[in-house]
PDB file of N, CA and C in Angstrom:
ATOM      1  N   GLN A   1      30.358  24.379 304.238  1.00  0.00           N
ATOM      2  CA  GLN A   1      28.967  24.535 304.642  1.00  0.00           C
ATOM      3  C   GLN A   1      28.887  25.015 306.083  1.00  0.00           C
ATOM      4  N   VAL A   2      27.989  25.940 306.315  1.00  0.00           N
ATOM      5  CA  VAL A   2      27.731  26.433 307.668  1.00  0.00           C
ATOM      6  C   VAL A   2      26.238  26.329 307.912  1.00  0.00           C
ATOM      7  N   GLN A   3      25.873  25.719 309.005  1.00  0.00           N
ATOM      8  CA  GLN A   3      24.463  25.670 309.404  1.00  0.00           C
ATOM      9  C   GLN A   3      24.279  26.536 310.635  1.00  0.00           C
ATOM     10  N   LEU A   4      23.187  27.296 310.630  1.00  0.00           N
ATOM     11  CA  LEU A   4      22.939  28.265 311.690  1.00  0.00           C
ATOM     12  C   LEU A   4      21.598  27.980 312.359  1.00  0.00           C
ATOM     13  N   GLU A   5      21.568  28.075 313.674  1.00  0.00           N
ATOM     14  CA  GLU A   5      20.324  27.861 314.404  1.00  0.00           C
ATOM     15  C   GLU A   5      20.166  28.922 315.484  1.00  0.00           C
ATOM     16  N   GLU A   6      19.087  29.705 315.352  1.00  0.00           N
ATOM     17  CA  GLU A   6      18.823  30.774 316.309  1.00  0.00           C
ATOM     18  C   GLU A   6      17.982  30.269 317.474  1.00  0.00           C
ATOM     19  N   SER A   7      18.121  30.952 318.598  1.00  0.00           N
ATOM     20  CA  SER A   7      17.286  30.687 319.767  1.00  0.00           C
ATOM     21  C   SER A   7      17.201  31.958 320.594  1.00  0.00           C
ATOM     22  N   GLY A   8      16.255  31.966 321.537  1.00  0.00           N
ATOM     23  CA  GLY A   8      16.158  33.082 322.459  1.00  0.00           C
ATOM     24  C   GLY A   8      15.032  34.052 322.196  1.00  0.00           C
ATOM     25  N   GLY A   9      14.294  33.838 321.112  1.00  0.00           N
ATOM     26  CA  GLY A   9      13.174  34.726 320.833  1.00  0.00           C
ATOM     27  C   GLY A   9      12.044  34.517 321.830  1.00  0.00           C
ATOM     28  N   GLY A  10      11.064  35.413 321.787  1.00  0.00           N
ATOM     29  CA  GLY A  10       9.929  35.283 322.687  1.00  0.00           C
ATOM     30  C   GLY A  10       9.117  36.552 322.716  1.00  0.00           C
ATOM     31  N   VAL A  11       8.264  36.635 323.728  1.00  0.00           N
ATOM     32  CA  VAL A  11       7.407  37.800 323.918  1.00  0.00           C
ATOM     33  C   VAL A  11       7.910  38.573 325.129  1.00  0.00           C
ATOM     34  N   VAL A  12       8.043  39.877 324.974  1.00  0.00           N
ATOM     35  CA  VAL A  12       8.553  40.727 326.050  1.00  0.00           C
ATOM     36  C   VAL A  12       7.803  42.049 326.008  1.00  0.00           C
ATOM     37  N   GLN A  13       7.681  42.674 327.150  1.00  0.00           N
ATOM     38  CA  GLN A  13       7.025  43.982 327.206  1.00  0.00           C
ATOM     39  C   GLN A  13       7.993  45.071 326.753  1.00  0.00           C
ATOM     40  N   ALA A  14       7.442  46.138 326.272  1.00  0.00           N
ATOM     41  CA  ALA A  14       8.260  47.279 325.865  1.00  0.00           C
ATOM     42  C   ALA A  14       9.134  47.719 327.038  1.00  0.00           C
ATOM     43  N   GLY A  15      10.396  48.019 326.711  1.00  0.00           N
ATOM     44  CA  GLY A  15      11.365  48.377 327.733  1.00  0.00           C
ATOM     45  C   GLY A  15      12.154  47.203 328.263  1.00  0.00           C
ATOM     46  N   GLY A  16      11.734  46.008 327.931  1.00  0.00           N
ATOM     47  CA  GLY A  16      12.410  44.806 328.403  1.00  0.00           C
ATOM     48  C   GLY A  16      13.597  44.425 327.547  1.00  0.00           C
ATOM     49  N   SER A  17      14.169  43.263 327.875  1.00  0.00           N
ATOM     50  CA  SER A  17      15.378  42.792 327.201  1.00  0.00           C
ATOM     51  C   SER A  17      15.229  41.340 326.779  1.00  0.00           C
ATOM     52  N   LEU A  18      15.950  40.985 325.730  1.00  0.00           N
ATOM     53  CA  LEU A  18      16.081  39.602 325.287  1.00  0.00           C
ATOM     54  C   LEU A  18      17.499  39.419 324.775  1.00  0.00           C
ATOM     55  N   ARG A  19      17.985  38.187 324.852  1.00  0.00           N
ATOM     56  CA  ARG A  19      19.261  37.863 324.224  1.00  0.00           C
ATOM     57  C   ARG A  19      19.047  36.717 323.255  1.00  0.00           C
ATOM     58  N   LEU A  20      19.365  36.995 322.002  1.00  0.00           N
ATOM     59  CA  LEU A  20      19.304  35.965 320.966  1.00  0.00           C
ATOM     60  C   LEU A  20      20.664  35.300 320.823  1.00  0.00           C
ATOM     61  N   SER A  21      20.616  34.018 320.507  1.00  0.00           N
ATOM     62  CA  SER A  21      21.840  33.267 320.239  1.00  0.00           C
ATOM     63  C   SER A  21      21.728  32.628 318.868  1.00  0.00           C
ATOM     64  N   CYS A  22      22.867  32.467 318.229  1.00  0.00           N
ATOM     65  CA  CYS A  22      22.926  31.776 316.938  1.00  0.00           C
ATOM     66  C   CYS A  22      24.105  30.822 316.991  1.00  0.00           C
ATOM     67  N   ALA A  23      23.796  29.540 317.026  1.00  0.00           N
ATOM     68  CA  ALA A  23      24.834  28.510 317.073  1.00  0.00           C
ATOM     69  C   ALA A  23      25.163  28.060 315.656  1.00  0.00           C
ATOM     70  N   ALA A  24      26.436  27.988 315.352  1.00  0.00           N
ATOM     71  CA  ALA A  24      26.890  27.624 314.020  1.00  0.00           C
ATOM     72  C   ALA A  24      27.610  26.287 314.031  1.00  0.00           C
ATOM     73  N   SER A  25      27.409  25.524 312.972  1.00  0.00           N
ATOM     74  CA  SER A  25      28.152  24.283 312.809  1.00  0.00           C
ATOM     75  C   SER A  25      29.413  24.573 312.023  1.00  0.00           C
ATOM     76  N   GLY A  26      30.310  23.631 311.987  1.00  0.00           N
ATOM     77  CA  GLY A  26      31.509  23.783 311.176  1.00  0.00           C
ATOM     78  C   GLY A  26      32.711  24.239 311.972  1.00  0.00           C
ATOM     79  N   ARG A  27      33.866  23.834 311.500  1.00  0.00           N
ATOM     80  CA  ARG A  27      35.091  24.142 312.229  1.00  0.00           C
ATOM     81  C   ARG A  27      35.694  25.471 311.837  1.00  0.00           C
ATOM     82  N   THR A  28      35.111  26.150 310.833  1.00  0.00           N
ATOM     83  CA  THR A  28      35.708  27.395 310.357  1.00  0.00           C
ATOM     84  C   THR A  28      34.880  28.609 310.758  1.00  0.00           C
ATOM     85  N   PHE A  29      34.109  28.486 311.819  1.00  0.00           N
ATOM     86  CA  PHE A  29      33.245  29.586 312.268  1.00  0.00           C
ATOM     87  C   PHE A  29      34.030  30.870 312.428  1.00  0.00           C
ATOM     88  N   SER A  30      35.232  30.782 312.968  1.00  0.00           N
ATOM     89  CA  SER A  30      36.006  31.985 313.273  1.00  0.00           C
ATOM     90  C   SER A  30      36.464  32.724 312.029  1.00  0.00           C
ATOM     91  N   SER A  31      36.291  32.135 310.851  1.00  0.00           N
ATOM     92  CA  SER A  31      36.687  32.819 309.625  1.00  0.00           C
ATOM     93  C   SER A  31      35.521  33.561 308.978  1.00  0.00           C
ATOM     94  N   TYR A  32      34.347  33.500 309.603  1.00  0.00           N
ATOM     95  CA  TYR A  32      33.158  34.126 309.044  1.00  0.00           C
ATOM     96  C   TYR A  32      32.757  35.377 309.818  1.00  0.00           C
ATOM     97  N   ALA A  33      32.400  36.415 309.081  1.00  0.00           N
ATOM     98  CA  ALA A  33      31.673  37.527 309.677  1.00  0.00           C
ATOM     99  C   ALA A  33      30.256  37.044 309.955  1.00  0.00           C
ATOM    100  N   MET A  34      29.645  37.591 311.000  1.00  0.00           N
ATOM    101  CA  MET A  34      28.302  37.166 311.386  1.00  0.00           C
ATOM    102  C   MET A  34      27.399  38.383 311.523  1.00  0.00           C
ATOM    103  N   GLY A  35      26.127  38.174 311.286  1.00  0.00           N
ATOM    104  CA  GLY A  35      25.219  39.297 311.389  1.00  0.00           C
ATOM    105  C   GLY A  35      23.818  38.868 311.785  1.00  0.00           C
ATOM    106  N   TRP A  36      23.021  39.867 312.137  1.00  0.00           N
ATOM    107  CA  TRP A  36      21.611  39.673 312.444  1.00  0.00           C
ATOM    108  C   TRP A  36      20.778  40.571 311.538  1.00  0.00           C
ATOM    109  N   PHE A  37      19.696  40.008 311.057  1.00  0.00           N
ATOM    110  CA  PHE A  37      18.734  40.735 310.245  1.00  0.00           C
ATOM    111  C   PHE A  37      17.351  40.480 310.828  1.00  0.00           C
ATOM    112  N   ARG A  38      16.392  41.312 310.451  1.00  0.00           N
ATOM    113  CA  ARG A  38      15.022  41.082 310.904  1.00  0.00           C
ATOM    114  C   ARG A  38      14.050  41.395 309.776  1.00  0.00           C
ATOM    115  N   GLN A  39      12.884  40.765 309.878  1.00  0.00           N
ATOM    116  CA  GLN A  39      11.885  40.952 308.827  1.00  0.00           C
ATOM    117  C   GLN A  39      10.493  40.839 309.425  1.00  0.00           C
ATOM    118  N   VAL A  40       9.623  41.748 308.980  1.00  0.00           N
ATOM    119  CA  VAL A  40       8.200  41.664 309.313  1.00  0.00           C
ATOM    120  C   VAL A  40       7.445  41.356 308.036  1.00  0.00           C
ATOM    121  N   PRO A  41       6.283  40.723 308.158  1.00  0.00           N
ATOM    122  CA  PRO A  41       5.528  40.354 306.951  1.00  0.00           C
ATOM    123  C   PRO A  41       5.230  41.573 306.082  1.00  0.00           C
ATOM    124  N   GLY A  42       5.465  41.420 304.793  1.00  0.00           N
ATOM    125  CA  GLY A  42       5.171  42.482 303.849  1.00  0.00           C
ATOM    126  C   GLY A  42       6.269  43.518 303.698  1.00  0.00           C
ATOM    127  N   LYS A  43       7.351  43.357 304.451  1.00  0.00           N
ATOM    128  CA  LYS A  43       8.458  44.307 304.357  1.00  0.00           C
ATOM    129  C   LYS A  43       9.748  43.585 304.009  1.00  0.00           C
ATOM    130  N   ALA A  44      10.692  44.341 303.496  1.00  0.00           N
ATOM    131  CA  ALA A  44      11.982  43.771 303.146  1.00  0.00           C
ATOM    132  C   ALA A  44      12.780  43.439 304.401  1.00  0.00           C
ATOM    133  N   ARG A  45      13.661  42.482 304.261  1.00  0.00           N
ATOM    134  CA  ARG A  45      14.555  42.137 305.362  1.00  0.00           C
ATOM    135  C   ARG A  45      15.454  43.335 305.667  1.00  0.00           C
ATOM    136  N   GLU A  46      15.689  43.551 306.951  1.00  0.00           N
ATOM    137  CA  GLU A  46      16.409  44.748 307.408  1.00  0.00           C
ATOM    138  C   GLU A  46      17.673  44.344 308.161  1.00  0.00           C
ATOM    139  N   PHE A  47      18.786  44.985 307.842  1.00  0.00           N
ATOM    140  CA  PHE A  47      20.028  44.772 308.570  1.00  0.00           C
ATOM    141  C   PHE A  47      19.884  45.297 309.999  1.00  0.00           C
ATOM    142  N   VAL A  48      20.379  44.535 310.967  1.00  0.00           N
ATOM    143  CA  VAL A  48      20.334  44.940 312.365  1.00  0.00           C
ATOM    144  C   VAL A  48      21.746  45.184 312.908  1.00  0.00           C
ATOM    145  N   ALA A  49      22.612  44.181 312.781  1.00  0.00           N
ATOM    146  CA  ALA A  49      23.961  44.300 313.347  1.00  0.00           C
ATOM    147  C   ALA A  49      24.877  43.269 312.704  1.00  0.00           C
ATOM    148  N   ALA A  50      26.176  43.555 312.747  1.00  0.00           N
ATOM    149  CA  ALA A  50      27.169  42.626 312.219  1.00  0.00           C
ATOM    150  C   ALA A  50      28.435  42.713 313.056  1.00  0.00           C
ATOM    151  N   VAL A  51      29.187  41.629 313.019  1.00  0.00           N
ATOM    152  CA  VAL A  51      30.461  41.578 313.740  1.00  0.00           C
ATOM    153  C   VAL A  51      31.487  40.889 312.853  1.00  0.00           C
ATOM    154  N   SER A  52      32.706  41.402 312.868  1.00  0.00           N
ATOM    155  CA  SER A  52      33.778  40.820 312.062  1.00  0.00           C
ATOM    156  C   SER A  52      34.188  39.464 312.626  1.00  0.00           C
ATOM    157  N   TRP A  53      35.012  38.747 311.861  1.00  0.00           N
ATOM    158  CA  TRP A  53      35.378  37.397 312.262  1.00  0.00           C
ATOM    159  C   TRP A  53      36.087  37.372 313.622  1.00  0.00           C
ATOM    160  N   SER A  54      36.833  38.421 313.935  1.00  0.00           N
ATOM    161  CA  SER A  54      37.584  38.468 315.191  1.00  0.00           C
ATOM    162  C   SER A  54      36.758  39.010 316.338  1.00  0.00           C
ATOM    163  N   GLY A  55      35.636  39.650 316.005  1.00  0.00           N
ATOM    164  CA  GLY A  55      34.854  40.323 317.037  1.00  0.00           C
ATOM    165  C   GLY A  55      35.316  41.740 317.303  1.00  0.00           C
ATOM    166  N   GLY A  56      36.358  42.155 316.600  1.00  0.00           N
ATOM    167  CA  GLY A  56      36.929  43.458 316.878  1.00  0.00           C
ATOM    168  C   GLY A  56      36.174  44.630 316.279  1.00  0.00           C
ATOM    169  N   ASN A  57      35.367  44.364 315.284  1.00  0.00           N
ATOM    170  CA  ASN A  57      34.586  45.421 314.634  1.00  0.00           C
ATOM    171  C   ASN A  57      33.117  45.066 314.639  1.00  0.00           C
ATOM    172  N   THR A  58      32.286  46.016 315.033  1.00  0.00           N
ATOM    173  CA  THR A  58      30.844  45.806 315.054  1.00  0.00           C
ATOM    174  C   THR A  58      30.150  46.947 314.311  1.00  0.00           C
ATOM    175  N   TYR A  59      28.981  46.651 313.783  1.00  0.00           N
ATOM    176  CA  TYR A  59      28.217  47.590 312.981  1.00  0.00           C
ATOM    177  C   TYR A  59      26.745  47.453 313.362  1.00  0.00           C
ATOM    178  N   TYR A  60      26.034  48.586 313.379  1.00  0.00           N
ATOM    179  CA  TYR A  60      24.638  48.578 313.793  1.00  0.00           C
ATOM    180  C   TYR A  60      23.787  49.454 312.879  1.00  0.00           C
ATOM    181  N   ALA A  61      22.543  49.057 312.730  1.00  0.00           N
ATOM    182  CA  ALA A  61      21.570  49.938 312.111  1.00  0.00           C
ATOM    183  C   ALA A  61      21.301  51.098 313.064  1.00  0.00           C
ATOM    184  N   ASP A  62      21.008  52.254 312.506  1.00  0.00           N
ATOM    185  CA  ASP A  62      20.742  53.435 313.343  1.00  0.00           C
ATOM    186  C   ASP A  62      19.587  53.187 314.302  1.00  0.00           C
ATOM    187  N   SER A  63      18.620  52.392 313.870  1.00  0.00           N
ATOM    188  CA  SER A  63      17.425  52.173 314.673  1.00  0.00           C
ATOM    189  C   SER A  63      17.688  51.373 315.950  1.00  0.00           C
ATOM    190  N   VAL A  64      18.828  50.684 316.020  1.00  0.00           N
ATOM    191  CA  VAL A  64      19.116  49.863 317.204  1.00  0.00           C
ATOM    192  C   VAL A  64      20.377  50.316 317.939  1.00  0.00           C
ATOM    193  N   LYS A  65      21.072  51.271 317.380  1.00  0.00           N
ATOM    194  CA  LYS A  65      22.327  51.716 317.983  1.00  0.00           C
ATOM    195  C   LYS A  65      22.077  52.221 319.399  1.00  0.00           C
ATOM    196  N   GLY A  66      22.921  51.767 320.327  1.00  0.00           N
ATOM    197  CA  GLY A  66      22.776  52.162 321.715  1.00  0.00           C
ATOM    198  C   GLY A  66      21.849  51.275 322.514  1.00  0.00           C
ATOM    199  N   ARG A  67      21.082  50.422 321.839  1.00  0.00           N
ATOM    200  CA  ARG A  67      20.155  49.516 322.525  1.00  0.00           C
ATOM    201  C   ARG A  67      20.547  48.047 322.349  1.00  0.00           C
ATOM    202  N   PHE A  68      21.086  47.705 321.184  1.00  0.00           N
ATOM    203  CA  PHE A  68      21.462  46.320 320.870  1.00  0.00           C
ATOM    204  C   PHE A  68      22.980  46.193 320.867  1.00  0.00           C
ATOM    205  N   THR A  69      23.449  45.006 321.256  1.00  0.00           N
ATOM    206  CA  THR A  69      24.875  44.715 321.224  1.00  0.00           C
ATOM    207  C   THR A  69      25.098  43.339 320.621  1.00  0.00           C
ATOM    208  N   ILE A  70      25.930  43.285 319.589  1.00  0.00           N
ATOM    209  CA  ILE A  70      26.292  42.013 318.979  1.00  0.00           C
ATOM    210  C   ILE A  70      27.653  41.586 319.512  1.00  0.00           C
ATOM    211  N   SER A  71      27.791  40.287 319.745  1.00  0.00           N
ATOM    212  CA  SER A  71      29.070  39.753 320.206  1.00  0.00           C
ATOM    213  C   SER A  71      29.189  38.309 319.724  1.00  0.00           C
ATOM    214  N   ARG A  72      30.377  37.766 319.832  1.00  0.00           N
ATOM    215  CA  ARG A  72      30.580  36.385 319.404  1.00  0.00           C
ATOM    216  C   ARG A  72      31.562  35.694 320.327  1.00  0.00           C
ATOM    217  N   ASP A  73      31.408  34.381 320.404  1.00  0.00           N
ATOM    218  CA  ASP A  73      32.327  33.541 321.157  1.00  0.00           C
ATOM    219  C   ASP A  73      32.798  32.458 320.193  1.00  0.00           C
ATOM    220  N   ASN A  74      33.976  32.627 319.650  1.00  0.00           N
ATOM    221  CA  ASN A  74      34.463  31.685 318.638  1.00  0.00           C
ATOM    222  C   ASN A  74      34.748  30.305 319.223  1.00  0.00           C
ATOM    223  N   ALA A  75      35.013  30.238 320.508  1.00  0.00           N
ATOM    224  CA  ALA A  75      35.234  28.933 321.142  1.00  0.00           C
ATOM    225  C   ALA A  75      33.944  28.129 321.204  1.00  0.00           C
ATOM    226  N   LYS A  76      32.803  28.829 321.224  1.00  0.00           N
ATOM    227  CA  LYS A  76      31.500  28.167 321.290  1.00  0.00           C
ATOM    228  C   LYS A  76      30.754  28.191 319.964  1.00  0.00           C
ATOM    229  N   ASN A  77      31.380  28.740 318.932  1.00  0.00           N
ATOM    230  CA  ASN A  77      30.729  28.838 317.611  1.00  0.00           C
ATOM    231  C   ASN A  77      29.368  29.523 317.714  1.00  0.00           C
ATOM    232  N   THR A  78      29.307  30.584 318.477  1.00  0.00           N
ATOM    233  CA  THR A  78      28.033  31.233 318.745  1.00  0.00           C
ATOM    234  C   THR A  78      28.159  32.748 318.631  1.00  0.00           C
ATOM    235  N   VAL A  79      27.132  33.356 318.066  1.00  0.00           N
ATOM    236  CA  VAL A  79      27.022  34.808 318.026  1.00  0.00           C
ATOM    237  C   VAL A  79      25.761  35.199 318.792  1.00  0.00           C
ATOM    238  N   TYR A  80      25.822  36.338 319.467  1.00  0.00           N
ATOM    239  CA  TYR A  80      24.733  36.785 320.323  1.00  0.00           C
ATOM    240  C   TYR A  80      24.227  38.153 319.880  1.00  0.00           C
ATOM    241  N   LEU A  81      22.978  38.421 320.218  1.00  0.00           N
ATOM    242  CA  LEU A  81      22.426  39.758 320.055  1.00  0.00           C
ATOM    243  C   LEU A  81      21.695  40.098 321.343  1.00  0.00           C
ATOM    244  N   GLN A  82      22.301  40.973 322.143  1.00  0.00           N
ATOM    245  CA  GLN A  82      21.667  41.450 323.357  1.00  0.00           C
ATOM    246  C   GLN A  82      20.804  42.641 322.997  1.00  0.00           C
ATOM    247  N   MET A  83      19.512  42.533 323.290  1.00  0.00           N
ATOM    248  CA  MET A  83      18.562  43.582 322.917  1.00  0.00           C
ATOM    249  C   MET A  83      17.968  44.176 324.187  1.00  0.00           C
ATOM    250  N   ASN A  84      18.237  45.437 324.410  1.00  0.00           N
ATOM    251  CA  ASN A  84      17.716  46.146 325.585  1.00  0.00           C
ATOM    252  C   ASN A  84      16.770  47.257 325.142  1.00  0.00           C
ATOM    253  N   SER A  85      15.991  47.755 326.082  1.00  0.00           N
ATOM    254  CA  SER A  85      15.049  48.856 325.808  1.00  0.00           C
ATOM    255  C   SER A  85      14.215  48.566 324.572  1.00  0.00           C
ATOM    256  N   LEU A  86      13.666  47.383 324.529  1.00  0.00           N
ATOM    257  CA  LEU A  86      12.924  46.961 323.337  1.00  0.00           C
ATOM    258  C   LEU A  86      11.669  47.789 323.140  1.00  0.00           C
ATOM    259  N   LYS A  87      11.333  47.986 321.861  1.00  0.00           N
ATOM    260  CA  LYS A  87      10.176  48.776 321.461  1.00  0.00           C
ATOM    261  C   LYS A  87       9.247  47.898 320.626  1.00  0.00           C
ATOM    262  N   PRO A  88       7.965  48.234 320.568  1.00  0.00           N
ATOM    263  CA  PRO A  88       7.054  47.449 319.724  1.00  0.00           C
ATOM    264  C   PRO A  88       7.520  47.351 318.274  1.00  0.00           C
ATOM    265  N   GLU A  89       8.169  48.381 317.775  1.00  0.00           N
ATOM    266  CA  GLU A  89       8.647  48.344 316.389  1.00  0.00           C
ATOM    267  C   GLU A  89       9.830  47.408 316.176  1.00  0.00           C
ATOM    268  N   ASP A  90      10.363  46.838 317.245  1.00  0.00           N
ATOM    269  CA  ASP A  90      11.404  45.815 317.110  1.00  0.00           C
ATOM    270  C   ASP A  90      10.805  44.427 316.843  1.00  0.00           C
ATOM    271  N   THR A  91       9.490  44.320 316.905  1.00  0.00           N
ATOM    272  CA  THR A  91       8.831  43.045 316.638  1.00  0.00           C
ATOM    273  C   THR A  91       9.132  42.574 315.221  1.00  0.00           C
ATOM    274  N   ALA A  92       9.653  41.345 315.104  1.00  0.00           N
ATOM    275  CA  ALA A  92      10.048  40.804 313.799  1.00  0.00           C
ATOM    276  C   ALA A  92      10.561  39.382 313.988  1.00  0.00           C
ATOM    277  N   VAL A  93      10.791  38.726 312.870  1.00  0.00           N
ATOM    278  CA  VAL A  93      11.558  37.476 312.874  1.00  0.00           C
ATOM    279  C   VAL A  93      13.020  37.857 312.695  1.00  0.00           C
ATOM    280  N   TYR A  94      13.848  37.420 313.627  1.00  0.00           N
ATOM    281  CA  TYR A  94      15.273  37.736 313.600  1.00  0.00           C
ATOM    282  C   TYR A  94      16.048  36.514 313.096  1.00  0.00           C
ATOM    283  N   SER A  95      16.893  36.760 312.098  1.00  0.00           N
ATOM    284  CA  SER A  95      17.695  35.690 311.513  1.00  0.00           C
ATOM    285  C   SER A  95      19.162  36.048 311.586  1.00  0.00           C
ATOM    286  N   CYS A  96      19.988  35.037 311.789  1.00  0.00           N
ATOM    287  CA  CYS A  96      21.419  35.294 311.732  1.00  0.00           C
ATOM    288  C   CYS A  96      21.966  34.852 310.373  1.00  0.00           C
ATOM    289  N   ALA A  97      23.074  35.429 310.018  1.00  0.00           N
ATOM    290  CA  ALA A  97      23.694  35.184 308.728  1.00  0.00           C
ATOM    291  C   ALA A  97      25.201  35.078 308.895  1.00  0.00           C
ATOM    292  N   ALA A  98      25.814  34.342 307.986  1.00  0.00           N
ATOM    293  CA  ALA A  98      27.265  34.162 308.010  1.00  0.00           C
ATOM    294  C   ALA A  98      27.824  34.332 306.607  1.00  0.00           C
ATOM    295  N   ASP A  99      28.961  34.988 306.520  1.00  0.00           N
ATOM    296  CA  ASP A  99      29.627  35.155 305.225  1.00  0.00           C
ATOM    297  C   ASP A  99      31.081  35.495 305.483  1.00  0.00           C
ATOM    298  N   GLN A 100      31.955  35.030 304.615  1.00  0.00           N
ATOM    299  CA  GLN A 100      33.368  35.365 304.752  1.00  0.00           C
ATOM    300  C   GLN A 100      33.656  36.778 304.258  1.00  0.00           C
ATOM    301  N   ASP A 101      32.687  37.373 303.575  1.00  0.00           N
ATOM    302  CA  ASP A 101      32.792  38.742 303.074  1.00  0.00           C
ATOM    303  C   ASP A 101      31.880  39.640 303.914  1.00  0.00           C
ATOM    304  N   LEU A 102      32.462  40.464 304.768  1.00  0.00           N
ATOM    305  CA  LEU A 102      31.667  41.297 305.673  1.00  0.00           C
ATOM    306  C   LEU A 102      30.816  42.307 304.906  1.00  0.00           C
ATOM    307  N   THR A 103      31.355  42.856 303.848  1.00  0.00           N
ATOM    308  CA  THR A 103      30.602  43.828 303.055  1.00  0.00           C
ATOM    309  C   THR A 103      29.367  43.189 302.444  1.00  0.00           C
ATOM    310  N   ARG A 104      29.540  41.995 301.879  1.00  0.00           N
ATOM    311  CA  ARG A 104      28.413  41.287 301.296  1.00  0.00           C
ATOM    312  C   ARG A 104      27.383  40.942 302.369  1.00  0.00           C
ATOM    313  N   LEU A 105      27.851  40.541 303.538  1.00  0.00           N
ATOM    314  CA  LEU A 105      26.938  40.213 304.628  1.00  0.00           C
ATOM    315  C   LEU A 105      26.089  41.427 305.003  1.00  0.00           C
ATOM    316  N   ARG A 106      26.700  42.586 305.126  1.00  0.00           N
ATOM    317  CA  ARG A 106      25.984  43.773 305.600  1.00  0.00           C
ATOM    318  C   ARG A 106      24.894  44.222 304.636  1.00  0.00           C
ATOM    319  N   VAL A 107      25.001  43.864 303.379  1.00  0.00           N
ATOM    320  CA  VAL A 107      23.946  44.250 302.422  1.00  0.00           C
ATOM    321  C   VAL A 107      22.964  43.113 302.189  1.00  0.00           C
ATOM    322  N   GLY A 108      23.068  42.074 302.989  1.00  0.00           N
ATOM    323  CA  GLY A 108      22.079  41.003 302.925  1.00  0.00           C
ATOM    324  C   GLY A 108      22.364  39.913 301.929  1.00  0.00           C
ATOM    325  N   GLY A 109      23.596  39.859 301.418  1.00  0.00           N
ATOM    326  CA  GLY A 109      23.913  38.864 300.405  1.00  0.00           C
ATOM    327  C   GLY A 109      24.622  37.638 300.939  1.00  0.00           C
ATOM    328  N   SER A 110      24.401  37.313 302.194  1.00  0.00           N
ATOM    329  CA  SER A 110      25.139  36.225 302.825  1.00  0.00           C
ATOM    330  C   SER A 110      24.902  34.879 302.164  1.00  0.00           C
ATOM    331  N   GLN A 111      25.919  34.047 302.270  1.00  0.00           N
ATOM    332  CA  GLN A 111      25.812  32.685 301.772  1.00  0.00           C
ATOM    333  C   GLN A 111      24.884  31.835 302.640  1.00  0.00           C
ATOM    334  N   TYR A 112      24.937  32.062 303.953  1.00  0.00           N
ATOM    335  CA  TYR A 112      24.268  31.171 304.891  1.00  0.00           C
ATOM    336  C   TYR A 112      23.321  31.935 305.814  1.00  0.00           C
ATOM    337  N   TRP A 113      22.143  31.335 306.025  1.00  0.00           N
ATOM    338  CA  TRP A 113      21.105  31.947 306.845  1.00  0.00           C
ATOM    339  C   TRP A 113      20.496  30.911 307.789  1.00  0.00           C
ATOM    340  N   GLY A 114      20.085  31.387 308.961  1.00  0.00           N
ATOM    341  CA  GLY A 114      19.319  30.541 309.845  1.00  0.00           C
ATOM    342  C   GLY A 114      17.832  30.641 309.512  1.00  0.00           C
ATOM    343  N   GLN A 115      17.029  29.863 310.231  1.00  0.00           N
ATOM    344  CA  GLN A 115      15.589  29.827 309.982  1.00  0.00           C
ATOM    345  C   GLN A 115      14.867  31.008 310.613  1.00  0.00           C
ATOM    346  N   GLY A 116      15.456  31.585 311.633  1.00  0.00           N
ATOM    347  CA  GLY A 116      14.848  32.742 312.276  1.00  0.00           C
ATOM    348  C   GLY A 116      14.161  32.401 313.589  1.00  0.00           C
ATOM    349  N   THR A 117      14.035  33.421 314.435  1.00  0.00           N
ATOM    350  CA  THR A 117      13.333  33.285 315.706  1.00  0.00           C
ATOM    351  C   THR A 117      12.463  34.522 315.904  1.00  0.00           C
ATOM    352  N   GLN A 118      11.244  34.316 316.352  1.00  0.00           N
ATOM    353  CA  GLN A 118      10.284  35.405 316.481  1.00  0.00           C
ATOM    354  C   GLN A 118      10.527  36.197 317.760  1.00  0.00           C
ATOM    355  N   VAL A 119      10.556  37.503 317.600  1.00  0.00           N
ATOM    356  CA  VAL A 119      10.609  38.417 318.751  1.00  0.00           C
ATOM    357  C   VAL A 119       9.361  39.291 318.688  1.00  0.00           C
ATOM    358  N   THR A 120       8.603  39.298 319.765  1.00  0.00           N
ATOM    359  CA  THR A 120       7.391  40.108 319.841  1.00  0.00           C
ATOM    360  C   THR A 120       7.476  41.016 321.062  1.00  0.00           C
ATOM    361  N   VAL A 121       7.350  42.311 320.818  1.00  0.00           N
ATOM    362  CA  VAL A 121       7.419  43.301 321.892  1.00  0.00           C
ATOM    363  C   VAL A 121       6.035  43.914 322.051  1.00  0.00           C
ATOM    364  N   SER A 122       5.445  43.721 323.209  1.00  0.00           N
ATOM    365  CA  SER A 122       4.098  44.240 323.445  1.00  0.00           C
ATOM    366  C   SER A 122       4.174  45.617 324.104  1.00  0.00           C
ATOM    367  N   SER A 123       3.187  46.439 323.767  1.00  0.00           N
ATOM    368  CA  SER A 123       3.187  47.814 324.301  1.00  0.00           C
ATOM    369  C   SER A 123       2.408  47.885 325.601  1.00  0.00           C
TER     370      SER A 123
END
């Protein structure tokens, strides 16, 4: 079992930055790929970024490439999403996900999900 808890959401002006954190329980965190997804009401959940269990491989949606950076600290059981140059269209609930299968995680089929944290970007 893995439990995930996000933090760091809030309200920011366009062009600003936020860093989201996702703290995971369990002693096997380092064996899981981790990812971030986002969702707005009435729309499907959207893949944002993912990182392999070692942190050596990262993947991004085209819409955030060059602006967002995913990273992890296995000693702290935490994954981060640094979001820079934020745009109003980045407004969403951001959730982290964990899965031992990176491919399954990237298509949204993760075993474990957090509750989400709201990010609002004002214009």
